[in-house]
C-alpha atoms as a PDB file:
ATOM      1  CA  MET A   1       0.034  -0.194   0.084  1.00  0.00           C
ATOM      2  CA  SER A   2       2.834   2.219   0.830  1.00  0.00           C
ATOM      3  CA  VAL A   3       4.282   1.885  -2.852  1.00  0.00           C
ATOM      4  CA  LEU A   4       0.969   2.427  -4.196  1.00  0.00           C
ATOM      5  CA  LEU A   5       0.337   6.173  -2.268  1.00  0.00           C
ATOM      6  CA  SER A   6       3.804   7.195  -2.723  1.00  0.00           C
ATOM      7  CA  ARG A   7       3.238   7.247  -6.440  1.00  0.00           C
ATOM      8  CA  SER A   8      -0.110   9.346  -5.867  1.00  0.00           C
ATOM      9  CA  LEU A   9      -0.688  11.302  -2.891  1.00  0.00           C
ATOM     10  CA  VAL A  10       2.643  11.098  -1.058  1.00  0.00           C
ATOM     11  CA  SER A  11       4.762  11.351  -3.886  1.00  0.00           C
ATOM     12  CA  VAL A  12       7.474  13.045  -1.666  1.00  0.00           C
ATOM     13  CA  LEU A  13       8.120   9.850   0.232  1.00  0.00           C
ATOM     14  CA  SER A  14       8.765   7.975  -3.027  1.00  0.00           C
ATOM     15  CA  SER A  15      12.507   7.763  -2.802  1.00  0.00           C
ATOM     16  CA  ALA A  16      12.326   6.743   0.910  1.00  0.00           C
ATOM     17  CA  VAL A  17       9.863   3.994  -0.081  1.00  0.00           C
ATOM     18  CA  ASN A  18      12.053   2.742  -3.058  1.00  0.00           C
ATOM     19  CA  LEU A  19      14.929   2.250  -0.537  1.00  0.00           C
ATOM     20  CA  VAL A  20      12.887   0.263   1.947  1.00  0.00           C
ATOM     21  CA  ALA A  21      11.253  -1.620  -0.634  1.00  0.00           C
ATOM     22  CA  GLY A  22      14.312  -2.750  -2.174  1.00  0.00           C
ATOM     23  CA  ALA A  23      16.108  -3.297   1.360  1.00  0.00           C
ATOM     24  CA  GLY A  24      13.330  -5.377   2.696  1.00  0.00           C
ATOM     25  CA  GLY A  25      13.564  -7.611  -0.467  1.00  0.00           C
ATOM     26  CA  TYR A  26      10.177  -6.375  -2.217  1.00  0.00           C
ATOM     27  CA  ARG A  27       9.106  -8.317  -5.027  1.00  0.00           C
ATOM     28  CA  LEU A  28       9.814  -6.514  -8.333  1.00  0.00           C
ATOM     29  CA  LEU A  29       6.683  -7.458 -10.160  1.00  0.00           C
ATOM     30  CA  ALA A  30       4.512  -6.291  -7.215  1.00  0.00           C
ATOM     31  CA  PHE A  31       6.505  -2.943  -6.768  1.00  0.00           C
ATOM     32  CA  VAL A  32       6.121  -2.136 -10.602  1.00  0.00           C
ATOM     33  CA  ALA A  33       2.410  -2.830 -10.950  1.00  0.00           C
ATOM     34  CA  PHE A  34       1.582  -1.105  -7.682  1.00  0.00           C
ATOM     35  CA  GLY A  35       3.762   1.888  -9.206  1.00  0.00           C
ATOM     36  CA  ILE A  36       2.057   1.862 -12.389  1.00  0.00           C
ATOM     37  CA  VAL A  37      -1.379   1.512 -10.850  1.00  0.00           C
ATOM     38  CA  GLY A  38      -0.592   4.779  -8.493  1.00  0.00           C
ATOM     39  CA  ARG A  39       0.861   6.756 -11.387  1.00  0.00           C
ATOM     40  CA  LEU A  40      -2.342   6.202 -13.341  1.00  0.00           C
ATOM     41  CA  ALA A  41      -4.426   7.328 -10.651  1.00  0.00           C
ATOM     42  CA  TRP A  42      -2.381  10.209 -10.406  1.00  0.00           C
ATOM     43  CA  VAL A  43      -2.347  11.110 -13.625  1.00  0.00           C
ATOM     44  CA  SER A  44      -5.916  10.170 -14.103  1.00  0.00           C
ATOM     45  CA  ALA A  45      -6.980  12.747 -11.393  1.00  0.00           C
ATOM     46  CA  TYR A  46      -4.619  15.186 -13.037  1.00  0.00           C
ATOM     47  CA  LEU A  47      -6.355  14.969 -16.508  1.00  0.00           C
ATOM     48  CA  GLY A  48      -9.838  14.842 -14.869  1.00  0.00           C
ATOM     49  CA  LEU A  49      -9.158  17.910 -13.070  1.00  0.00           C
ATOM     50  CA  GLY A  50      -7.778  19.559 -16.413  1.00  0.00           C
ATOM     51  CA  TYR A  51     -11.048  18.513 -18.416  1.00  0.00           C
ATOM     52  CA  VAL A  52     -13.171  19.852 -15.645  1.00  0.00           C
ATOM     53  CA  ALA A  53     -11.479  23.306 -15.546  1.00  0.00           C
ATOM     54  CA  ALA A  54     -11.091  23.593 -19.083  1.00  0.00           C
ATOM     55  CA  SER A  55     -14.770  23.461 -19.993  1.00  0.00           C
ATOM     56  CA  GLY A  56     -14.999  26.719 -18.066  1.00  0.00           C
ATOM     57  CA  LEU A  57     -12.489  28.452 -20.194  1.00  0.00           C
ATOM     58  CA  GLU A  58     -13.115  30.489 -23.582  1.00  0.00           C
ATOM     59  CA  ARG A  59     -11.426  28.480 -26.234  1.00  0.00           C
ATOM     60  CA  GLU A  60      -9.972  31.440 -28.566  1.00  0.00           C
ATOM     61  CA  PRO A  61      -7.851  33.173 -25.353  1.00  0.00           C
ATOM     62  CA  VAL A  62      -6.538  29.772 -24.477  1.00  0.00           C
ATOM     63  CA  ALA A  63      -5.608  28.815 -28.019  1.00  0.00           C
ATOM     64  CA  ASP A  64      -3.714  32.250 -28.291  1.00  0.00           C
ATOM     65  CA  PHE A  65      -2.124  31.642 -25.077  1.00  0.00           C
ATOM     66  CA  LEU A  66      -0.753  28.399 -26.280  1.00  0.00           C
ATOM     67  CA  ARG A  67       0.499  29.610 -29.767  1.00  0.00           C
ATOM     68  CA  SER A  68       2.485  32.249 -28.031  1.00  0.00           C
ATOM     69  CA  LEU A  69       3.980  30.008 -25.433  1.00  0.00           C
ATOM     70  CA  THR A  70       4.953  27.595 -28.164  1.00  0.00           C
ATOM     71  CA  GLY A  71       6.504  30.368 -30.351  1.00  0.00           C
ATOM     72  CA  LEU A  72       8.362  31.468 -26.914  1.00  0.00           C
ATOM     73  CA  LEU A  73       9.636  27.612 -26.446  1.00  0.00           C
ATOM     74  CA  VAL A  74      10.885  27.236 -30.040  1.00  0.00           C
ATOM     75  CA  ALA A  75      12.723  30.740 -30.029  1.00  0.00           C
ATOM     76  CA  LEU A  76      14.326  29.474 -26.517  1.00  0.00           C
ATOM     77  CA  ALA A  77      15.385  26.219 -28.143  1.00  0.00           C
ATOM     78  CA  LEU A  78      16.801  28.248 -31.015  1.00  0.00           C
ATOM     79  CA  LEU A  79      18.815  30.541 -29.089  1.00  0.00           C
ATOM     80  CA  GLY A  80      20.276  27.642 -26.630  1.00  0.00           C
ATOM     81  CA  GLY A  81      21.085  25.708 -29.736  1.00  0.00           C
ATOM     82  CA  ALA A  82      23.160  28.911 -31.425  1.00  0.00           C
ATOM     83  CA  ARG A  83      24.476  29.333 -28.024  1.00  0.00           C
ATOM     84  CA  PHE A  84      25.790  25.991 -28.032  1.00  0.00           C
ATOM     85  CA  ALA A  85      27.271  25.822 -31.425  1.00  0.00           C
ATOM     86  CA  VAL A  86      29.085  29.114 -30.950  1.00  0.00           C
ATOM     87  CA  ARG A  87      30.623  27.986 -27.790  1.00  0.00           C
ATOM     88  CA  ARG A  88      31.556  24.846 -29.640  1.00  0.00           C
ATOM     89  CA  ARG A  89      33.015  26.649 -32.192  1.00  0.00           C
ATOM     90  CA  ARG A  90      35.140  28.761 -29.622  1.00  0.00           C
ATOM     91  CA  LEU A  91      36.493  25.499 -28.109  1.00  0.00           C
ATOM     92  CA  ALA A  92      37.470  24.199 -30.945  1.00  0.00           C
END
């Protein structure tokens, strides 16, 4: 039960639970199964909250925001790539 809960509600404790499970000889198959179920529950909860929250939002402003965010992320990625190339060229 601690593996399941550490993958969803109290994920802060997951590192400690991993160590205790490994040191205690917890079966790998059971650990993976409970870990997957816990993560699926957590992701499903977030998806459900997002779906409920999105139903109250206006569609057009959200799309505009996402387009702007995508443009920003692409620009930052290009800037980082250019910086890496310049730095690599200086070191060579």
